[in-house]
Amino acid sequence: MSETARGKPAAFLDRDGTLMEDSGFVGDPRRVRVLDGVAPALIALADAGFARIVVTNQSGVARGFFGEPDVVIVNHALKDELAVRGAAVDAFYYCTHLQGCECRKPLPGLVLRAVAEHALDLRRSVMFGDRGGDIALAHNLGIPGILVNELPGYDGPPPLHRARSLREGVAFFLESVHA
């Protein structure tokens, strides 16, 4: 079966703390700071045939800190910053809720929507994130979860691998799991 017939694998990526600095609730594009090594990691994923899909909880909207248009503007700013570095993501999916929905990580709604809309092969996919909810999402989906840029006091399920950066996590995944 060809890759087209079964779908492309995806790297699902958290946004804040994984691709860009996590400086609290980010609703201002001037606060976008791409983390070191993110661009080469995204390029390596693309070269390996992975769609790069951002899945992010943005409860700052439900909390009234900023509006949904601000989330879109920040995502565009991140996309522009990555483009300057020669990298890209293929799509952004975000949840603006605090609770009571299927799209808030670690529930699978965002990923399942992305899989359907982009004809992705979930079985060959991976999740990269910096928090327990990201790794719990990977567990809920039955895919590998790579913990990157780990914060002190991590309280999530065990990741497949712990990496100091997205670049290191992607290298581990491509060399040890995807190979």
C-alpha atoms as a PDB file:
ATOM      1  CA  MET A   1       0.000   0.000   0.000  1.00  0.00           C
ATOM      2  CA  SER A   2       1.426   3.407  -0.922  1.00  0.00           C
ATOM      3  CA  GLU A   3       1.900   6.251   1.584  1.00  0.00           C
ATOM      4  CA  THR A   4      -0.885   8.171  -0.142  1.00  0.00           C
ATOM      5  CA  ALA A   5      -3.326   5.276   0.259  1.00  0.00           C
ATOM      6  CA  ARG A   6      -2.696   4.841   3.978  1.00  0.00           C
ATOM      7  CA  GLY A   7      -2.022   8.469   4.858  1.00  0.00           C
ATOM      8  CA  LYS A   8       0.985  10.449   5.885  1.00  0.00           C
ATOM      9  CA  PRO A   9       2.352  10.146   9.424  1.00  0.00           C
ATOM     10  CA  ALA A  10       2.203  13.247  11.596  1.00  0.00           C
ATOM     11  CA  ALA A  11       4.257  14.843  14.303  1.00  0.00           C
ATOM     12  CA  PHE A  12       1.786  16.483  16.662  1.00  0.00           C
ATOM     13  CA  LEU A  13       3.465  19.352  18.465  1.00  0.00           C
ATOM     14  CA  ASP A  14       2.465  21.398  21.463  1.00  0.00           C
ATOM     15  CA  ARG A  15       2.997  25.142  20.915  1.00  0.00           C
ATOM     16  CA  ASP A  16       3.974  26.959  24.132  1.00  0.00           C
ATOM     17  CA  GLY A  17       7.062  25.442  25.728  1.00  0.00           C
ATOM     18  CA  THR A  18       7.723  23.130  22.776  1.00  0.00           C
ATOM     19  CA  LEU A  19       7.983  25.380  19.701  1.00  0.00           C
ATOM     20  CA  MET A  20       8.128  28.763  21.402  1.00  0.00           C
ATOM     21  CA  GLU A  21       8.853  30.141  24.847  1.00  0.00           C
ATOM     22  CA  ASP A  22       6.061  29.574  27.334  1.00  0.00           C
ATOM     23  CA  SER A  23       5.596  33.011  28.866  1.00  0.00           C
ATOM     24  CA  GLY A  24       2.154  32.434  30.318  1.00  0.00           C
ATOM     25  CA  PHE A  25      -1.011  33.115  28.381  1.00  0.00           C
ATOM     26  CA  VAL A  26       0.263  34.426  25.045  1.00  0.00           C
ATOM     27  CA  GLY A  27      -2.189  36.624  23.174  1.00  0.00           C
ATOM     28  CA  ASP A  28       0.318  39.149  21.816  1.00  0.00           C
ATOM     29  CA  PRO A  29       2.391  38.235  18.729  1.00  0.00           C
ATOM     30  CA  ARG A  30       5.284  40.336  20.049  1.00  0.00           C
ATOM     31  CA  ARG A  31       5.773  37.656  22.721  1.00  0.00           C
ATOM     32  CA  VAL A  32       6.519  34.905  20.185  1.00  0.00           C
ATOM     33  CA  ARG A  33      10.059  33.609  20.707  1.00  0.00           C
ATOM     34  CA  VAL A  34      10.964  30.450  18.793  1.00  0.00           C
ATOM     35  CA  LEU A  35      13.052  28.084  20.908  1.00  0.00           C
ATOM     36  CA  ASP A  36      16.569  27.098  19.847  1.00  0.00           C
ATOM     37  CA  GLY A  37      16.714  24.076  17.580  1.00  0.00           C
ATOM     38  CA  VAL A  38      13.024  24.132  16.643  1.00  0.00           C
ATOM     39  CA  ALA A  39      13.577  25.017  12.986  1.00  0.00           C
ATOM     40  CA  PRO A  40      16.059  22.177  12.296  1.00  0.00           C
ATOM     41  CA  ALA A  41      13.761  19.752  14.145  1.00  0.00           C
ATOM     42  CA  LEU A  42      10.775  20.732  11.984  1.00  0.00           C
ATOM     43  CA  ILE A  43      12.883  20.475   8.840  1.00  0.00           C
ATOM     44  CA  ALA A  44      14.067  16.994   9.863  1.00  0.00           C
ATOM     45  CA  LEU A  45      10.457  15.896  10.423  1.00  0.00           C
ATOM     46  CA  ALA A  46       9.446  17.214   6.997  1.00  0.00           C
ATOM     47  CA  ASP A  47      12.420  15.492   5.371  1.00  0.00           C
ATOM     48  CA  ALA A  48      11.310  12.219   7.017  1.00  0.00           C
ATOM     49  CA  GLY A  49       7.825  12.612   5.499  1.00  0.00           C
ATOM     50  CA  PHE A  50       5.901  13.807   8.557  1.00  0.00           C
ATOM     51  CA  ALA A  51       3.148  16.388   8.552  1.00  0.00           C
ATOM     52  CA  ARG A  52       3.819  18.903  11.335  1.00  0.00           C
ATOM     53  CA  ILE A  53       0.588  19.660  13.176  1.00  0.00           C
ATOM     54  CA  VAL A  54       0.399  22.019  16.170  1.00  0.00           C
ATOM     55  CA  VAL A  55      -2.169  21.047  18.824  1.00  0.00           C
ATOM     56  CA  THR A  56      -2.465  23.544  21.657  1.00  0.00           C
ATOM     57  CA  ASN A  57      -4.733  24.399  24.576  1.00  0.00           C
ATOM     58  CA  GLN A  58      -5.417  28.137  24.646  1.00  0.00           C
ATOM     59  CA  SER A  59      -7.663  28.592  27.671  1.00  0.00           C
ATOM     60  CA  GLY A  60      -6.658  32.255  27.875  1.00  0.00           C
ATOM     61  CA  VAL A  61      -9.674  32.824  25.626  1.00  0.00           C
ATOM     62  CA  ALA A  62     -12.124  31.189  28.068  1.00  0.00           C
ATOM     63  CA  ARG A  63     -10.442  33.032  30.937  1.00  0.00           C
ATOM     64  CA  GLY A  64     -10.991  36.363  29.161  1.00  0.00           C
ATOM     65  CA  PHE A  65      -7.283  37.229  28.824  1.00  0.00           C
ATOM     66  CA  PHE A  66      -7.547  37.602  25.036  1.00  0.00           C
ATOM     67  CA  GLY A  67      -9.846  36.672  22.174  1.00  0.00           C
ATOM     68  CA  GLU A  68      -9.770  33.837  19.665  1.00  0.00           C
ATOM     69  CA  PRO A  69      -8.539  36.228  16.926  1.00  0.00           C
ATOM     70  CA  ASP A  70      -5.457  36.801  19.107  1.00  0.00           C
ATOM     71  CA  VAL A  71      -4.713  33.059  19.100  1.00  0.00           C
ATOM     72  CA  VAL A  72      -4.834  33.118  15.303  1.00  0.00           C
ATOM     73  CA  ILE A  73      -2.547  36.169  15.177  1.00  0.00           C
ATOM     74  CA  VAL A  74      -0.010  34.523  17.521  1.00  0.00           C
ATOM     75  CA  ASN A  75      -0.097  31.351  15.417  1.00  0.00           C
ATOM     76  CA  HIS A  76       0.573  33.421  12.287  1.00  0.00           C
ATOM     77  CA  ALA A  77       3.463  35.185  14.025  1.00  0.00           C
ATOM     78  CA  LEU A  78       4.945  31.817  14.978  1.00  0.00           C
ATOM     79  CA  LYS A  79       4.508  30.596  11.400  1.00  0.00           C
ATOM     80  CA  ASP A  80       6.277  33.733  10.113  1.00  0.00           C
ATOM     81  CA  GLU A  81       9.148  33.328  12.590  1.00  0.00           C
ATOM     82  CA  LEU A  82       9.600  29.717  11.515  1.00  0.00           C
ATOM     83  CA  ALA A  83       9.546  30.688   7.824  1.00  0.00           C
ATOM     84  CA  VAL A  84      12.415  33.137   8.415  1.00  0.00           C
ATOM     85  CA  ARG A  85      14.379  30.116   9.681  1.00  0.00           C
ATOM     86  CA  GLY A  86      13.393  27.954   6.687  1.00  0.00           C
ATOM     87  CA  ALA A  87      10.915  25.823   8.643  1.00  0.00           C
ATOM     88  CA  ALA A  88       7.153  25.395   8.677  1.00  0.00           C
ATOM     89  CA  VAL A  89       4.200  23.712  10.291  1.00  0.00           C
ATOM     90  CA  ASP A  90       1.352  22.359   8.214  1.00  0.00           C
ATOM     91  CA  ALA A  91      -1.601  23.283  10.425  1.00  0.00           C
ATOM     92  CA  PHE A  92      -2.638  24.698  13.785  1.00  0.00           C
ATOM     93  CA  TYR A  93      -5.417  23.227  15.920  1.00  0.00           C
ATOM     94  CA  TYR A  94      -6.346  24.858  19.219  1.00  0.00           C
ATOM     95  CA  CYS A  95      -8.837  24.512  22.048  1.00  0.00           C
ATOM     96  CA  THR A  96     -10.102  27.694  23.713  1.00  0.00           C
ATOM     97  CA  HIS A  97     -12.051  25.925  26.479  1.00  0.00           C
ATOM     98  CA  LEU A  98     -11.334  25.283  30.149  1.00  0.00           C
ATOM     99  CA  GLN A  99     -13.302  22.029  30.340  1.00  0.00           C
ATOM    100  CA  GLY A 100     -16.327  20.173  29.036  1.00  0.00           C
ATOM    101  CA  CYS A 101     -15.140  19.550  25.498  1.00  0.00           C
ATOM    102  CA  GLU A 102     -13.474  16.795  23.493  1.00  0.00           C
ATOM    103  CA  CYS A 103     -10.808  19.092  22.069  1.00  0.00           C
ATOM    104  CA  ARG A 104      -8.923  20.050  25.240  1.00  0.00           C
ATOM    105  CA  LYS A 105      -5.745  18.020  25.630  1.00  0.00           C
ATOM    106  CA  PRO A 106      -5.322  15.326  26.869  1.00  0.00           C
ATOM    107  CA  LEU A 107      -8.596  14.413  25.140  1.00  0.00           C
ATOM    108  CA  PRO A 108      -8.101  13.448  21.486  1.00  0.00           C
ATOM    109  CA  GLY A 109     -10.505  15.829  19.693  1.00  0.00           C
ATOM    110  CA  LEU A 110      -7.914  18.137  18.109  1.00  0.00           C
ATOM    111  CA  VAL A 111      -5.784  15.277  16.844  1.00  0.00           C
ATOM    112  CA  LEU A 112      -8.727  13.277  15.521  1.00  0.00           C
ATOM    113  CA  ARG A 113      -9.954  16.345  13.627  1.00  0.00           C
ATOM    114  CA  ALA A 114      -6.480  16.866  12.132  1.00  0.00           C
ATOM    115  CA  VAL A 115      -6.251  13.182  11.147  1.00  0.00           C
ATOM    116  CA  ALA A 116      -9.591  13.385   9.338  1.00  0.00           C
ATOM    117  CA  GLU A 117      -8.940  16.738   7.646  1.00  0.00           C
ATOM    118  CA  HIS A 118      -5.422  15.865   6.451  1.00  0.00           C
ATOM    119  CA  ALA A 119      -5.826  12.108   5.803  1.00  0.00           C
ATOM    120  CA  LEU A 120      -3.086  11.301   8.328  1.00  0.00           C
ATOM    121  CA  ASP A 121      -1.992   7.861   9.515  1.00  0.00           C
ATOM    122  CA  LEU A 122      -2.308   8.057  13.295  1.00  0.00           C
ATOM    123  CA  ARG A 123      -0.635   4.653  13.771  1.00  0.00           C
ATOM    124  CA  ARG A 124       2.655   6.023  12.417  1.00  0.00           C
ATOM    125  CA  SER A 125       2.448   9.355  14.249  1.00  0.00           C
ATOM    126  CA  VAL A 126       4.091  10.870  17.343  1.00  0.00           C
ATOM    127  CA  MET A 127       3.411  13.593  19.926  1.00  0.00           C
ATOM    128  CA  PHE A 128       6.004  16.096  21.195  1.00  0.00           C
ATOM    129  CA  GLY A 129       5.235  18.274  24.201  1.00  0.00           C
ATOM    130  CA  ASP A 130       6.491  19.744  27.444  1.00  0.00           C
ATOM    131  CA  ARG A 131       3.688  18.866  29.873  1.00  0.00           C
ATOM    132  CA  GLY A 132       1.878  15.879  31.280  1.00  0.00           C
ATOM    133  CA  GLY A 133      -1.240  16.651  29.221  1.00  0.00           C
ATOM    134  CA  ASP A 134       0.761  16.280  26.023  1.00  0.00           C
ATOM    135  CA  ILE A 135       2.114  12.880  27.014  1.00  0.00           C
ATOM    136  CA  ALA A 136      -1.314  11.820  28.319  1.00  0.00           C
ATOM    137  CA  LEU A 137      -2.726  12.741  24.898  1.00  0.00           C
ATOM    138  CA  ALA A 138      -0.137  10.463  23.267  1.00  0.00           C
ATOM    139  CA  HIS A 139      -1.139   7.647  25.641  1.00  0.00           C
ATOM    140  CA  ASN A 140      -4.828   8.242  24.879  1.00  0.00           C
ATOM    141  CA  LEU A 141      -4.087   7.977  21.155  1.00  0.00           C
ATOM    142  CA  GLY A 142      -1.763   4.968  21.445  1.00  0.00           C
ATOM    143  CA  ILE A 143       1.189   6.805  19.869  1.00  0.00           C
ATOM    144  CA  PRO A 144       4.678   7.579  21.187  1.00  0.00           C
ATOM    145  CA  GLY A 145       4.954  10.643  23.402  1.00  0.00           C
ATOM    146  CA  ILE A 146       8.275  12.482  23.579  1.00  0.00           C
ATOM    147  CA  LEU A 147       8.691  14.907  26.487  1.00  0.00           C
ATOM    148  CA  VAL A 148      10.796  17.938  25.556  1.00  0.00           C
ATOM    149  CA  ASN A 149      11.959  20.971  27.552  1.00  0.00           C
ATOM    150  CA  GLU A 150      10.655  19.300  30.712  1.00  0.00           C
ATOM    151  CA  LEU A 151       9.483  21.633  33.445  1.00  0.00           C
ATOM    152  CA  PRO A 152      10.278  20.969  37.115  1.00  0.00           C
ATOM    153  CA  GLY A 153       7.606  18.962  38.889  1.00  0.00           C
ATOM    154  CA  TYR A 154       6.472  16.960  35.864  1.00  0.00           C
ATOM    155  CA  ASP A 155       3.463  14.916  36.952  1.00  0.00           C
ATOM    156  CA  GLY A 156       2.295  13.214  33.788  1.00  0.00           C
ATOM    157  CA  PRO A 157       2.462   9.652  32.541  1.00  0.00           C
ATOM    158  CA  PRO A 158       5.828   8.220  31.568  1.00  0.00           C
ATOM    159  CA  PRO A 159       6.992   9.439  28.148  1.00  0.00           C
ATOM    160  CA  LEU A 160       8.710   7.182  25.656  1.00  0.00           C
ATOM    161  CA  HIS A 161      11.720   9.512  25.914  1.00  0.00           C
ATOM    162  CA  ARG A 162      12.760  12.684  27.747  1.00  0.00           C
ATOM    163  CA  ALA A 163      14.735  15.227  25.715  1.00  0.00           C
ATOM    164  CA  ARG A 164      16.282  18.565  26.584  1.00  0.00           C
ATOM    165  CA  SER A 165      14.930  20.119  23.380  1.00  0.00           C
ATOM    166  CA  LEU A 166      12.648  19.448  20.454  1.00  0.00           C
ATOM    167  CA  ARG A 167      15.705  18.966  18.267  1.00  0.00           C
ATOM    168  CA  GLU A 168      17.016  16.240  20.581  1.00  0.00           C
ATOM    169  CA  GLY A 169      13.577  14.619  20.847  1.00  0.00           C
ATOM    170  CA  VAL A 170      13.102  14.555  17.085  1.00  0.00           C
ATOM    171  CA  ALA A 171      16.585  13.108  16.568  1.00  0.00           C
ATOM    172  CA  PHE A 172      15.825  10.342  19.086  1.00  0.00           C
ATOM    173  CA  PHE A 173      12.487   9.560  17.454  1.00  0.00           C
ATOM    174  CA  LEU A 174      13.791   9.506  13.879  1.00  0.00           C
ATOM    175  CA  GLU A 175      16.865   7.417  14.757  1.00  0.00           C
ATOM    176  CA  SER A 176      15.389   5.011  17.309  1.00  0.00           C
ATOM    177  CA  VAL A 177      11.664   4.684  16.684  1.00  0.00           C
ATOM    178  CA  HIS A 178      10.889   5.703  13.128  1.00  0.00           C
ATOM    179  CA  ALA A 179      14.013   4.128  11.624  1.00  0.00           C
END
